[in-house]
Amino acid sequence: MTTNSPNASMAQTLLGRSKKWLATEPTLQQIKAALSAMVAKVAKGQLPDNADFRSTADELIQCYVDREGDLADLPQIPEAISQEQSSINVPTPVAPAEFDCGSLYPDGEPAAPLSLEEKRRRLLIIKSSLVRPGGF
């Protein structure tokens, strides 16, 4: 027996079946379990990551939140990877690194060494800038 009604085609989709199931008032734990199972099947490749899956996941999440469930308790839906993105994310080969043996400081005359008195004066300037606020 074949029917051509719009409801028959809707019932065949994952979203249609989920809407019928949600009408039976499942518990928050059951909704969470159903969403977790869907996400696991998509991750294993047993369920296609298509518009029907995304719409169904959105419907389950919306129902969960509408019934006072915490969104943070639900599994995270992986982002869909388009064909364009997958070709962009391919790492490009990098040439081997070379060690730079150049000097770490410019060539020139080194500064004159400080006298003991000058070192003490500069250290006191630094110490005075390190005073804690509030004086304790």
Protein backbone atom coordinates (compact mmCIF):
# COMPACT_ATOMS: atom_id res chain seq x y z
CA MET A 1 0.00 0.00 0.00
CA THR A 2 1.54 3.28 -1.14
CA THR A 3 0.32 6.67 -0.03
CA ASN A 4 1.15 9.96 -1.65
CA SER A 5 0.19 12.21 1.22
CA PRO A 6 2.69 14.78 2.48
CA ASN A 7 2.59 13.20 5.93
CA ALA A 8 3.79 9.86 4.53
CA SER A 9 6.98 11.41 3.12
CA MET A 10 7.55 13.37 6.33
CA ALA A 11 7.25 10.20 8.40
CA GLN A 12 10.05 8.58 6.38
CA THR A 13 12.56 11.25 7.30
CA LEU A 14 14.47 11.19 10.54
CA LEU A 15 12.94 14.55 11.41
CA GLY A 16 9.41 13.27 10.82
CA ARG A 17 9.93 10.20 12.97
CA SER A 18 11.52 12.33 15.69
CA LYS A 19 8.61 14.78 15.72
CA LYS A 20 6.18 11.89 16.14
CA TRP A 21 8.32 10.52 18.97
CA LEU A 22 8.58 13.94 20.65
CA ALA A 23 4.77 14.17 20.58
CA THR A 24 4.71 11.19 22.98
CA GLU A 25 6.37 13.41 25.64
CA PRO A 26 9.65 11.54 26.26
CA THR A 27 11.67 12.41 29.35
CA LEU A 28 14.69 14.70 29.25
CA GLN A 29 16.93 11.66 29.76
CA GLN A 30 15.36 9.90 26.77
CA ILE A 31 15.82 12.95 24.55
CA LYS A 32 19.45 13.24 25.63
CA ALA A 33 20.01 9.52 24.95
CA ALA A 34 18.44 9.80 21.48
CA LEU A 35 20.59 12.78 20.57
CA SER A 36 23.71 11.08 21.91
CA ALA A 37 22.97 7.97 19.84
CA MET A 38 22.48 10.08 16.69
CA VAL A 39 25.75 11.96 17.21
CA ALA A 40 27.60 8.68 17.82
CA LYS A 41 26.18 7.16 14.62
CA VAL A 42 27.21 10.20 12.60
CA ALA A 43 30.71 10.05 14.09
CA LYS A 44 30.99 6.36 13.11
CA GLY A 45 29.63 7.05 9.61
CA GLN A 46 26.51 4.94 10.18
CA LEU A 47 24.24 7.97 9.70
CA PRO A 48 24.82 10.67 7.08
CA ASP A 49 25.61 14.18 8.28
CA ASN A 50 23.01 15.88 6.13
CA ALA A 51 20.23 18.46 6.45
CA ASP A 52 17.83 15.83 7.85
CA PHE A 53 20.27 14.96 10.65
CA ARG A 54 20.93 18.64 11.41
CA SER A 55 17.20 19.50 11.48
CA THR A 56 16.46 16.52 13.70
CA ALA A 57 19.27 17.42 16.10
CA ASP A 58 18.00 21.01 16.25
CA GLU A 59 14.47 19.78 16.97
CA LEU A 60 15.67 17.47 19.78
CA ILE A 61 17.82 20.20 21.30
CA GLN A 62 14.97 22.72 21.13
CA CYS A 63 12.58 20.29 22.80
CA TYR A 64 15.16 19.48 25.50
CA VAL A 65 15.73 23.16 26.28
CA ASP A 66 12.00 23.98 26.14
CA ARG A 67 11.43 21.37 28.85
CA GLU A 68 13.96 23.10 31.13
CA GLY A 69 16.90 20.88 30.23
CA ASP A 70 20.40 22.34 30.41
CA LEU A 71 22.00 22.80 26.99
CA ALA A 72 25.43 22.09 28.47
CA ASP A 73 24.34 18.52 29.32
CA LEU A 74 23.82 17.61 25.65
CA PRO A 75 26.54 16.20 23.40
CA GLN A 76 28.18 18.64 21.04
CA ILE A 77 27.12 18.36 17.41
CA PRO A 78 30.22 18.22 15.18
CA GLU A 79 30.46 20.95 12.59
CA ALA A 80 29.77 19.89 9.04
CA ILE A 81 32.83 19.91 6.80
CA SER A 82 32.14 21.12 3.30
CA GLN A 83 34.22 20.04 0.31
CA GLU A 84 35.77 23.53 0.13
CA GLN A 85 36.83 23.49 3.79
CA SER A 86 38.38 20.03 3.57
CA SER A 87 40.66 21.11 0.73
CA ILE A 88 41.63 24.29 2.59
CA ASN A 89 42.57 22.47 5.79
CA VAL A 90 45.11 20.17 4.13
CA PRO A 91 48.50 21.03 5.60
CA THR A 92 51.09 22.18 3.13
CA PRO A 93 54.55 20.66 3.29
CA VAL A 94 57.15 22.83 4.98
CA ALA A 95 60.82 22.98 4.07
CA PRO A 96 63.20 21.71 6.74
CA ALA A 97 64.29 24.31 9.25
CA GLU A 98 67.78 25.70 9.05
CA PHE A 99 69.88 26.85 11.98
CA ASP A 100 70.76 30.55 11.80
CA CYS A 101 74.32 30.99 13.02
CA GLY A 102 74.22 34.78 12.70
CA SER A 103 75.09 37.02 15.60
CA LEU A 104 72.42 37.70 18.17
CA TYR A 105 73.47 41.29 18.70
CA PRO A 106 74.60 43.97 16.30
CA ASP A 107 78.28 44.31 15.66
CA GLY A 108 79.62 47.35 17.46
CA GLU A 109 81.37 48.55 20.51
CA PRO A 110 80.14 47.05 23.77
CA ALA A 111 78.90 49.42 26.45
CA ALA A 112 81.37 50.46 29.10
CA PRO A 113 81.07 48.46 32.31
CA LEU A 114 79.21 50.22 35.12
CA SER A 115 80.98 51.26 38.27
CA LEU A 116 79.95 49.73 41.58
CA GLU A 117 78.36 53.05 42.60
CA GLU A 118 76.32 53.25 39.34
CA LYS A 119 75.13 49.64 39.72
CA ARG A 120 73.97 50.36 43.29
CA ARG A 121 72.12 53.53 42.18
CA ARG A 122 70.27 51.71 39.36
CA LEU A 123 69.35 48.82 41.65
CA LEU A 124 67.82 51.24 44.18
CA ILE A 125 65.74 52.83 41.38
CA ILE A 126 64.41 49.40 40.41
CA LYS A 127 63.68 48.47 44.05
CA SER A 128 61.74 51.68 44.62
CA SER A 129 59.47 50.89 41.65
CA LEU A 130 58.63 47.47 43.15
CA VAL A 131 56.83 48.80 46.25
CA ARG A 132 53.54 47.06 46.93
CA PRO A 133 50.37 49.14 46.74
CA GLY A 134 49.01 49.86 50.21
CA GLY A 135 52.49 49.78 51.77
CA PHE A 136 52.41 46.28 53.28
